[in-house]
Amino acid sequence: MTTAAACPRTLDAYPFTIDLRALFSDVDGQQHINNVAIAGYFAEGRASLNQVVFGQKRQAQPSPGQQILIASVTIDYLGQGQYPGTFRVAAGVTEIGRSSFRVAQALFQLGHCVAVASTVMVNAVEGRPAPLPAEVRTALSDNLLRDQSLVAG
């Protein structure tokens, strides 16, 4: 899978979800949730998944030189999000490499998928790719999409 277009658009495909409340500041001039806010919802979803995978302490207070870097993000906007309301951010790992992994995400409101995203993340030490530790690889595997055949591409 290389793009957001290949991400599943059904909630049951994803092993990890969080709910987020839309903020009034997320509304654009047409009274819809703006695309920057949607990117922020996906970022919050990735951060929450990373807390599960890497541990809350590493996410909040990483050891000196350790980082989780974003190599690429693609987002496809499929519909309009509304305020007021809540969103469910769903996430699942689709690929695990030596030092990187790919996360597919979908954003749902009232049962409808309004956006999908694909992100490549890299485990790094001092700004250079570093092998994923065994316990992280296990946690990533525990969060694979439920049905990899749902991934197009």
N, C-alpha and C. Protein backbone atom coordinates (compact mmCIF):
# COMPACT_ATOMS: atom_id res chain seq x y z
N MET A 1 0.86 -1.18 0.00
CA MET A 1 0.00 0.00 0.00
C MET A 1 0.89 1.23 0.00
N THR A 2 0.64 2.14 -0.91
CA THR A 2 1.50 3.32 -0.98
C THR A 2 0.75 4.63 -0.79
N THR A 3 -0.56 4.61 -0.87
CA THR A 3 -1.29 5.86 -0.75
C THR A 3 -2.49 5.70 0.18
N ALA A 4 -3.03 6.83 0.56
CA ALA A 4 -4.24 6.82 1.39
C ALA A 4 -5.40 6.18 0.65
N ALA A 5 -5.42 6.30 -0.68
CA ALA A 5 -6.53 5.74 -1.46
C ALA A 5 -6.69 4.24 -1.23
N ALA A 6 -5.62 3.56 -0.82
CA ALA A 6 -5.67 2.12 -0.60
C ALA A 6 -6.15 1.75 0.80
N CYS A 7 -6.37 2.71 1.68
CA CYS A 7 -6.78 2.43 3.05
C CYS A 7 -8.23 1.96 3.12
N PRO A 8 -8.50 0.96 3.96
CA PRO A 8 -9.89 0.51 4.12
C PRO A 8 -10.79 1.64 4.62
N ARG A 9 -12.03 1.59 4.21
CA ARG A 9 -13.01 2.62 4.59
C ARG A 9 -14.09 2.05 5.52
N THR A 10 -13.80 0.89 6.12
CA THR A 10 -14.73 0.28 7.05
C THR A 10 -14.08 0.20 8.43
N LEU A 11 -14.81 0.58 9.44
CA LEU A 11 -14.30 0.66 10.80
C LEU A 11 -13.80 -0.69 11.30
N ASP A 12 -14.48 -1.76 10.95
CA ASP A 12 -14.11 -3.07 11.49
C ASP A 12 -12.77 -3.58 10.97
N ALA A 13 -12.16 -2.93 9.99
CA ALA A 13 -10.85 -3.33 9.48
C ALA A 13 -9.72 -2.92 10.42
N TYR A 14 -9.99 -2.00 11.31
CA TYR A 14 -8.95 -1.38 12.13
C TYR A 14 -8.95 -1.91 13.57
N PRO A 15 -7.78 -2.25 14.10
CA PRO A 15 -7.70 -2.77 15.47
C PRO A 15 -7.65 -1.69 16.55
N PHE A 16 -7.39 -0.45 16.17
CA PHE A 16 -7.18 0.62 17.16
C PHE A 16 -8.08 1.80 16.81
N THR A 17 -8.79 2.33 17.82
CA THR A 17 -9.61 3.53 17.61
C THR A 17 -9.54 4.45 18.82
N ILE A 18 -9.73 5.73 18.55
CA ILE A 18 -9.94 6.72 19.61
C ILE A 18 -11.02 7.67 19.13
N ASP A 19 -11.72 8.26 20.08
CA ASP A 19 -12.76 9.24 19.75
C ASP A 19 -12.26 10.63 20.12
N LEU A 20 -12.52 11.58 19.23
CA LEU A 20 -12.12 12.97 19.43
C LEU A 20 -13.32 13.88 19.19
N ARG A 21 -13.42 14.91 20.00
CA ARG A 21 -14.49 15.89 19.86
C ARG A 21 -14.04 16.99 18.91
N ALA A 22 -14.90 17.34 17.97
CA ALA A 22 -14.62 18.46 17.08
C ALA A 22 -14.66 19.75 17.88
N LEU A 23 -13.77 20.65 17.57
CA LEU A 23 -13.71 21.95 18.23
C LEU A 23 -14.27 23.02 17.30
N PHE A 24 -14.82 24.07 17.87
CA PHE A 24 -15.33 25.17 17.04
C PHE A 24 -14.21 25.76 16.20
N SER A 25 -12.99 25.78 16.74
CA SER A 25 -11.86 26.34 16.00
C SER A 25 -11.48 25.48 14.79
N ASP A 26 -12.04 24.28 14.66
CA ASP A 26 -11.78 23.41 13.51
C ASP A 26 -12.67 23.72 12.31
N VAL A 27 -13.61 24.65 12.47
CA VAL A 27 -14.60 24.94 11.43
C VAL A 27 -14.07 25.96 10.43
N ASP A 28 -14.32 25.69 9.14
CA ASP A 28 -13.91 26.63 8.09
C ASP A 28 -15.05 27.58 7.75
N GLY A 29 -14.85 28.42 6.77
CA GLY A 29 -15.84 29.42 6.38
C GLY A 29 -17.12 28.83 5.83
N GLN A 30 -17.09 27.58 5.41
CA GLN A 30 -18.30 26.92 4.90
C GLN A 30 -18.99 26.10 5.99
N GLN A 31 -18.54 26.29 7.23
CA GLN A 31 -19.10 25.60 8.40
C GLN A 31 -18.85 24.09 8.40
N HIS A 32 -17.74 23.67 7.80
CA HIS A 32 -17.31 22.27 7.83
C HIS A 32 -15.98 22.20 8.57
N ILE A 33 -15.61 21.01 8.99
CA ILE A 33 -14.30 20.82 9.61
C ILE A 33 -13.24 21.00 8.52
N ASN A 34 -12.24 21.85 8.81
CA ASN A 34 -11.24 22.15 7.78
C ASN A 34 -10.20 21.03 7.67
N ASN A 35 -9.48 21.03 6.53
CA ASN A 35 -8.54 19.95 6.26
C ASN A 35 -7.35 19.95 7.21
N VAL A 36 -6.95 21.08 7.72
CA VAL A 36 -5.85 21.12 8.69
C VAL A 36 -6.28 20.43 9.99
N ALA A 37 -7.51 20.64 10.40
CA ALA A 37 -8.02 19.97 11.61
C ALA A 37 -8.07 18.47 11.39
N ILE A 38 -8.50 18.04 10.21
CA ILE A 38 -8.55 16.60 9.93
C ILE A 38 -7.15 16.00 10.00
N ALA A 39 -6.16 16.69 9.46
CA ALA A 39 -4.77 16.22 9.58
C ALA A 39 -4.38 16.12 11.05
N GLY A 40 -4.84 17.06 11.86
CA GLY A 40 -4.57 17.02 13.30
C GLY A 40 -5.24 15.83 13.99
N TYR A 41 -6.45 15.48 13.57
CA TYR A 41 -7.11 14.29 14.14
C TYR A 41 -6.29 13.04 13.83
N PHE A 42 -5.80 12.95 12.58
CA PHE A 42 -4.96 11.80 12.23
C PHE A 42 -3.67 11.79 13.06
N ALA A 43 -3.06 12.96 13.27
CA ALA A 43 -1.85 13.04 14.08
C ALA A 43 -2.12 12.56 15.51
N GLU A 44 -3.24 12.97 16.08
CA GLU A 44 -3.59 12.53 17.43
C GLU A 44 -3.81 11.02 17.47
N GLY A 45 -4.44 10.49 16.43
CA GLY A 45 -4.62 9.04 16.35
C GLY A 45 -3.30 8.29 16.28
N ARG A 46 -2.35 8.80 15.47
CA ARG A 46 -1.03 8.17 15.38
C ARG A 46 -0.30 8.26 16.71
N ALA A 47 -0.39 9.41 17.37
CA ALA A 47 0.29 9.57 18.66
C ALA A 47 -0.28 8.59 19.68
N SER A 48 -1.58 8.40 19.68
CA SER A 48 -2.21 7.46 20.61
C SER A 48 -1.80 6.02 20.30
N LEU A 49 -1.75 5.67 19.01
CA LEU A 49 -1.27 4.34 18.63
C LEU A 49 0.18 4.16 19.04
N ASN A 50 1.01 5.18 18.84
CA ASN A 50 2.42 5.09 19.22
C ASN A 50 2.60 4.91 20.72
N GLN A 51 1.69 5.46 21.52
CA GLN A 51 1.77 5.23 22.97
C GLN A 51 1.57 3.76 23.29
N VAL A 52 0.68 3.11 22.55
CA VAL A 52 0.46 1.68 22.75
C VAL A 52 1.68 0.89 22.28
N VAL A 53 2.22 1.25 21.14
CA VAL A 53 3.32 0.49 20.53
C VAL A 53 4.65 0.74 21.24
N PHE A 54 4.98 1.99 21.48
CA PHE A 54 6.29 2.33 22.03
C PHE A 54 6.27 2.57 23.54
N GLY A 55 5.08 2.71 24.10
CA GLY A 55 4.97 3.02 25.51
C GLY A 55 4.76 4.51 25.72
N GLN A 56 3.93 4.83 26.69
CA GLN A 56 3.59 6.23 26.93
C GLN A 56 4.82 7.05 27.31
N LYS A 57 5.73 6.47 28.08
CA LYS A 57 6.91 7.22 28.50
C LYS A 57 7.77 7.63 27.32
N ARG A 58 8.01 6.70 26.39
CA ARG A 58 8.85 7.06 25.23
C ARG A 58 8.16 8.11 24.37
N GLN A 59 6.84 8.04 24.27
CA GLN A 59 6.11 9.02 23.48
C GLN A 59 6.20 10.41 24.12
N ALA A 60 6.03 10.47 25.43
CA ALA A 60 6.01 11.76 26.13
C ALA A 60 7.40 12.26 26.50
N GLN A 61 8.29 11.34 26.86
CA GLN A 61 9.64 11.72 27.29
C GLN A 61 10.66 10.76 26.70
N PRO A 62 10.93 10.88 25.41
CA PRO A 62 11.87 9.94 24.79
C PRO A 62 13.28 10.11 25.35
N SER A 63 14.05 9.03 25.30
CA SER A 63 15.46 9.09 25.68
C SER A 63 16.17 10.04 24.73
N PRO A 64 17.24 10.66 25.19
CA PRO A 64 17.97 11.59 24.31
C PRO A 64 18.36 10.91 23.00
N GLY A 65 18.05 11.59 21.91
CA GLY A 65 18.42 11.10 20.59
C GLY A 65 17.41 10.17 19.95
N GLN A 66 16.46 9.63 20.71
CA GLN A 66 15.46 8.72 20.13
C GLN A 66 14.28 9.50 19.60
N GLN A 67 13.83 9.11 18.41
CA GLN A 67 12.71 9.79 17.77
C GLN A 67 11.89 8.80 16.97
N ILE A 68 10.64 9.16 16.76
CA ILE A 68 9.79 8.50 15.78
C ILE A 68 9.51 9.58 14.74
N LEU A 69 10.09 9.42 13.55
CA LEU A 69 9.99 10.43 12.50
C LEU A 69 8.91 10.05 11.49
N ILE A 70 8.29 11.03 10.91
CA ILE A 70 7.34 10.80 9.84
C ILE A 70 8.07 11.01 8.52
N ALA A 71 8.07 9.97 7.69
CA ALA A 71 8.73 10.05 6.39
C ALA A 71 7.76 10.53 5.32
N SER A 72 6.49 10.13 5.43
CA SER A 72 5.49 10.60 4.47
C SER A 72 4.10 10.44 5.05
N VAL A 73 3.21 11.32 4.60
CA VAL A 73 1.80 11.27 4.95
C VAL A 73 1.00 11.61 3.71
N THR A 74 0.01 10.79 3.41
CA THR A 74 -0.95 11.14 2.37
C THR A 74 -2.34 11.07 2.98
N ILE A 75 -3.17 12.03 2.61
CA ILE A 75 -4.54 12.10 3.11
C ILE A 75 -5.47 12.28 1.92
N ASP A 76 -6.53 11.49 1.90
CA ASP A 76 -7.60 11.67 0.92
C ASP A 76 -8.85 12.08 1.69
N TYR A 77 -9.44 13.18 1.27
CA TYR A 77 -10.66 13.70 1.90
C TYR A 77 -11.84 13.16 1.10
N LEU A 78 -12.73 12.44 1.79
CA LEU A 78 -13.82 11.74 1.12
C LEU A 78 -15.18 12.38 1.32
N GLY A 79 -15.31 13.18 2.36
CA GLY A 79 -16.59 13.79 2.68
C GLY A 79 -16.37 14.96 3.62
N GLN A 80 -17.45 15.55 4.05
CA GLN A 80 -17.37 16.72 4.91
C GLN A 80 -17.65 16.33 6.36
N GLY A 81 -16.79 16.80 7.25
CA GLY A 81 -17.01 16.62 8.67
C GLY A 81 -17.82 17.79 9.21
N GLN A 82 -18.64 17.53 10.21
CA GLN A 82 -19.55 18.55 10.73
C GLN A 82 -19.24 18.91 12.18
N TYR A 83 -19.53 20.13 12.52
CA TYR A 83 -19.47 20.62 13.89
C TYR A 83 -20.88 21.03 14.29
N PRO A 84 -21.30 20.76 15.49
CA PRO A 84 -20.62 19.99 16.54
C PRO A 84 -20.66 18.50 16.23
N GLY A 85 -19.81 17.78 16.89
CA GLY A 85 -19.80 16.34 16.70
C GLY A 85 -18.52 15.72 17.20
N THR A 86 -18.46 14.41 17.06
CA THR A 86 -17.26 13.66 17.44
C THR A 86 -16.80 12.85 16.23
N PHE A 87 -15.55 12.51 16.26
CA PHE A 87 -14.95 11.70 15.22
C PHE A 87 -14.31 10.47 15.86
N ARG A 88 -14.35 9.38 15.15
CA ARG A 88 -13.61 8.19 15.56
C ARG A 88 -12.44 8.06 14.59
N VAL A 89 -11.23 8.06 15.15
CA VAL A 89 -10.01 7.87 14.37
C VAL A 89 -9.61 6.41 14.51
N ALA A 90 -9.52 5.72 13.39
CA ALA A 90 -9.16 4.30 13.38
C ALA A 90 -7.77 4.16 12.77
N ALA A 91 -7.01 3.19 13.28
CA ALA A 91 -5.65 2.99 12.77
C ALA A 91 -5.28 1.52 12.80
N GLY A 92 -4.41 1.15 11.87
CA GLY A 92 -3.86 -0.19 11.82
C GLY A 92 -2.55 -0.19 11.06
N VAL A 93 -1.65 -1.04 11.48
CA VAL A 93 -0.35 -1.17 10.82
C VAL A 93 -0.53 -2.04 9.58
N THR A 94 0.07 -1.60 8.48
CA THR A 94 -0.03 -2.38 7.24
C THR A 94 1.31 -2.97 6.80
N GLU A 95 2.41 -2.37 7.21
CA GLU A 95 3.73 -2.87 6.83
C GLU A 95 4.70 -2.63 7.97
N ILE A 96 5.60 -3.60 8.18
CA ILE A 96 6.65 -3.46 9.18
C ILE A 96 7.97 -3.76 8.48
N GLY A 97 8.85 -2.76 8.46
CA GLY A 97 10.16 -2.93 7.86
C GLY A 97 11.23 -3.08 8.93
N ARG A 98 12.48 -2.90 8.54
CA ARG A 98 13.59 -3.02 9.48
C ARG A 98 13.56 -1.88 10.49
N SER A 99 13.38 -0.65 10.01
CA SER A 99 13.38 0.52 10.89
C SER A 99 12.13 1.37 10.72
N SER A 100 11.25 0.97 9.84
CA SER A 100 10.06 1.78 9.57
C SER A 100 8.81 0.93 9.57
N PHE A 101 7.68 1.62 9.62
CA PHE A 101 6.39 0.94 9.53
C PHE A 101 5.38 1.89 8.91
N ARG A 102 4.33 1.31 8.33
CA ARG A 102 3.28 2.10 7.70
C ARG A 102 1.99 1.90 8.47
N VAL A 103 1.28 3.02 8.68
CA VAL A 103 0.01 3.02 9.38
C VAL A 103 -1.08 3.51 8.44
N ALA A 104 -2.15 2.74 8.33
CA ALA A 104 -3.35 3.17 7.61
C ALA A 104 -4.32 3.72 8.64
N GLN A 105 -5.03 4.78 8.27
CA GLN A 105 -6.00 5.39 9.17
C GLN A 105 -7.26 5.77 8.40
N ALA A 106 -8.35 5.83 9.14
CA ALA A 106 -9.61 6.32 8.58
C ALA A 106 -10.30 7.15 9.65
N LEU A 107 -11.01 8.17 9.22
CA LEU A 107 -11.72 9.08 10.12
C LEU A 107 -13.22 8.92 9.84
N PHE A 108 -13.96 8.62 10.90
CA PHE A 108 -15.40 8.36 10.77
C PHE A 108 -16.20 9.36 11.59
N GLN A 109 -17.33 9.77 11.03
CA GLN A 109 -18.30 10.58 11.76
C GLN A 109 -19.69 10.06 11.41
N LEU A 110 -20.45 9.76 12.44
CA LEU A 110 -21.81 9.23 12.27
C LEU A 110 -21.83 8.02 11.33
N GLY A 111 -20.80 7.17 11.46
CA GLY A 111 -20.73 5.95 10.69
C GLY A 111 -20.21 6.09 9.27
N HIS A 112 -19.90 7.31 8.84
CA HIS A 112 -19.39 7.54 7.48
C HIS A 112 -17.90 7.84 7.52
N CYS A 113 -17.17 7.28 6.57
CA CYS A 113 -15.74 7.56 6.46
C CYS A 113 -15.58 8.89 5.73
N VAL A 114 -14.97 9.88 6.41
CA VAL A 114 -14.82 11.20 5.81
C VAL A 114 -13.39 11.47 5.30
N ALA A 115 -12.43 10.62 5.71
CA ALA A 115 -11.06 10.79 5.22
C ALA A 115 -10.27 9.53 5.54
N VAL A 116 -9.22 9.29 4.76
CA VAL A 116 -8.29 8.20 5.00
C VAL A 116 -6.87 8.76 4.89
N ALA A 117 -5.94 8.10 5.59
CA ALA A 117 -4.55 8.56 5.57
C ALA A 117 -3.61 7.36 5.61
N SER A 118 -2.45 7.54 5.03
CA SER A 118 -1.38 6.55 5.09
C SER A 118 -0.11 7.27 5.50
N THR A 119 0.57 6.72 6.50
CA THR A 119 1.76 7.37 7.04
C THR A 119 2.89 6.37 7.18
N VAL A 120 4.08 6.75 6.74
CA VAL A 120 5.28 5.96 6.98
C VAL A 120 6.03 6.61 8.13
N MET A 121 6.32 5.81 9.15
CA MET A 121 7.02 6.30 10.33
C MET A 121 8.34 5.54 10.48
N VAL A 122 9.36 6.25 10.96
CA VAL A 122 10.70 5.68 11.05
C VAL A 122 11.20 5.78 12.48
N ASN A 123 11.69 4.67 13.00
CA ASN A 123 12.37 4.66 14.29
C ASN A 123 13.77 5.22 14.05
N ALA A 124 14.15 6.24 14.82
CA ALA A 124 15.45 6.87 14.59
C ALA A 124 16.19 7.11 15.89
N VAL A 125 17.52 7.08 15.79
CA VAL A 125 18.41 7.46 16.88
C VAL A 125 19.37 8.49 16.30
N GLU A 126 19.42 9.64 16.94
CA GLU A 126 20.27 10.74 16.47
C GLU A 126 19.95 11.11 15.02
N GLY A 127 18.68 11.02 14.65
CA GLY A 127 18.24 11.44 13.32
C GLY A 127 18.48 10.43 12.22
N ARG A 128 18.96 9.24 12.57
CA ARG A 128 19.23 8.21 11.56
C ARG A 128 18.34 6.99 11.83
N PRO A 129 17.88 6.34 10.76
CA PRO A 129 17.05 5.14 10.96
C PRO A 129 17.77 4.12 11.83
N ALA A 130 17.00 3.51 12.74
CA ALA A 130 17.54 2.49 13.65
C ALA A 130 16.56 1.31 13.66
N PRO A 131 17.08 0.09 13.78
CA PRO A 131 16.19 -1.07 13.78
C PRO A 131 15.11 -0.96 14.86
N LEU A 132 13.92 -1.44 14.51
CA LEU A 132 12.82 -1.48 15.47
C LEU A 132 13.14 -2.56 16.51
N PRO A 133 13.06 -2.24 17.80
CA PRO A 133 13.30 -3.25 18.83
C PRO A 133 12.28 -4.39 18.74
N ALA A 134 12.65 -5.57 19.22
CA ALA A 134 11.79 -6.76 19.14
C ALA A 134 10.44 -6.52 19.79
N GLU A 135 10.41 -5.85 20.96
CA GLU A 135 9.13 -5.63 21.64
C GLU A 135 8.24 -4.66 20.86
N VAL A 136 8.84 -3.73 20.13
CA VAL A 136 8.08 -2.81 19.29
C VAL A 136 7.52 -3.56 18.08
N ARG A 137 8.33 -4.43 17.49
CA ARG A 137 7.86 -5.22 16.35
C ARG A 137 6.65 -6.07 16.77
N THR A 138 6.71 -6.63 17.97
CA THR A 138 5.58 -7.42 18.48
C THR A 138 4.35 -6.55 18.65
N ALA A 139 4.52 -5.37 19.25
CA ALA A 139 3.39 -4.46 19.45
C ALA A 139 2.82 -3.98 18.11
N LEU A 140 3.68 -3.74 17.13
CA LEU A 140 3.20 -3.38 15.80
C LEU A 140 2.40 -4.53 15.20
N SER A 141 2.91 -5.74 15.32
CA SER A 141 2.21 -6.91 14.80
C SER A 141 0.85 -7.09 15.46
N ASP A 142 0.76 -6.76 16.74
CA ASP A 142 -0.52 -6.85 17.46
C ASP A 142 -1.54 -5.83 16.96
N ASN A 143 -1.08 -4.84 16.19
CA ASN A 143 -1.96 -3.78 15.69
C ASN A 143 -2.06 -3.77 14.17
N LEU A 144 -1.82 -4.93 13.54
CA LEU A 144 -1.99 -5.04 12.10
C LEU A 144 -3.47 -4.90 11.75
N LEU A 145 -3.74 -4.37 10.55
CA LEU A 145 -5.12 -4.35 10.09
C LEU A 145 -5.70 -5.75 10.24
N ARG A 146 -6.96 -5.84 10.58
CA ARG A 146 -7.59 -7.13 10.85
C ARG A 146 -7.63 -8.03 9.62
N ASP A 147 -7.77 -7.45 8.44
CA ASP A 147 -7.84 -8.23 7.21
C ASP A 147 -6.99 -7.51 6.16
N GLN A 148 -5.76 -7.98 5.99
CA GLN A 148 -4.85 -7.32 5.07
C GLN A 148 -5.36 -7.35 3.63
N SER A 149 -6.28 -8.25 3.30
CA SER A 149 -6.83 -8.28 1.95
C SER A 149 -7.69 -7.04 1.67
N LEU A 150 -8.06 -6.31 2.74
CA LEU A 150 -8.83 -5.08 2.54
C LEU A 150 -7.96 -3.96 2.00
N VAL A 151 -6.64 -4.11 2.09
CA VAL A 151 -5.72 -3.08 1.62
C VAL A 151 -5.54 -3.21 0.13
N ALA A 152 -5.90 -2.17 -0.59
CA ALA A 152 -5.72 -2.17 -2.05
C ALA A 152 -4.31 -1.72 -2.39
N GLY A 153 -3.84 -2.08 -3.53
CA GLY A 153 -2.56 -1.55 -3.99
C GLY A 153 -1.42 -2.46 -3.90
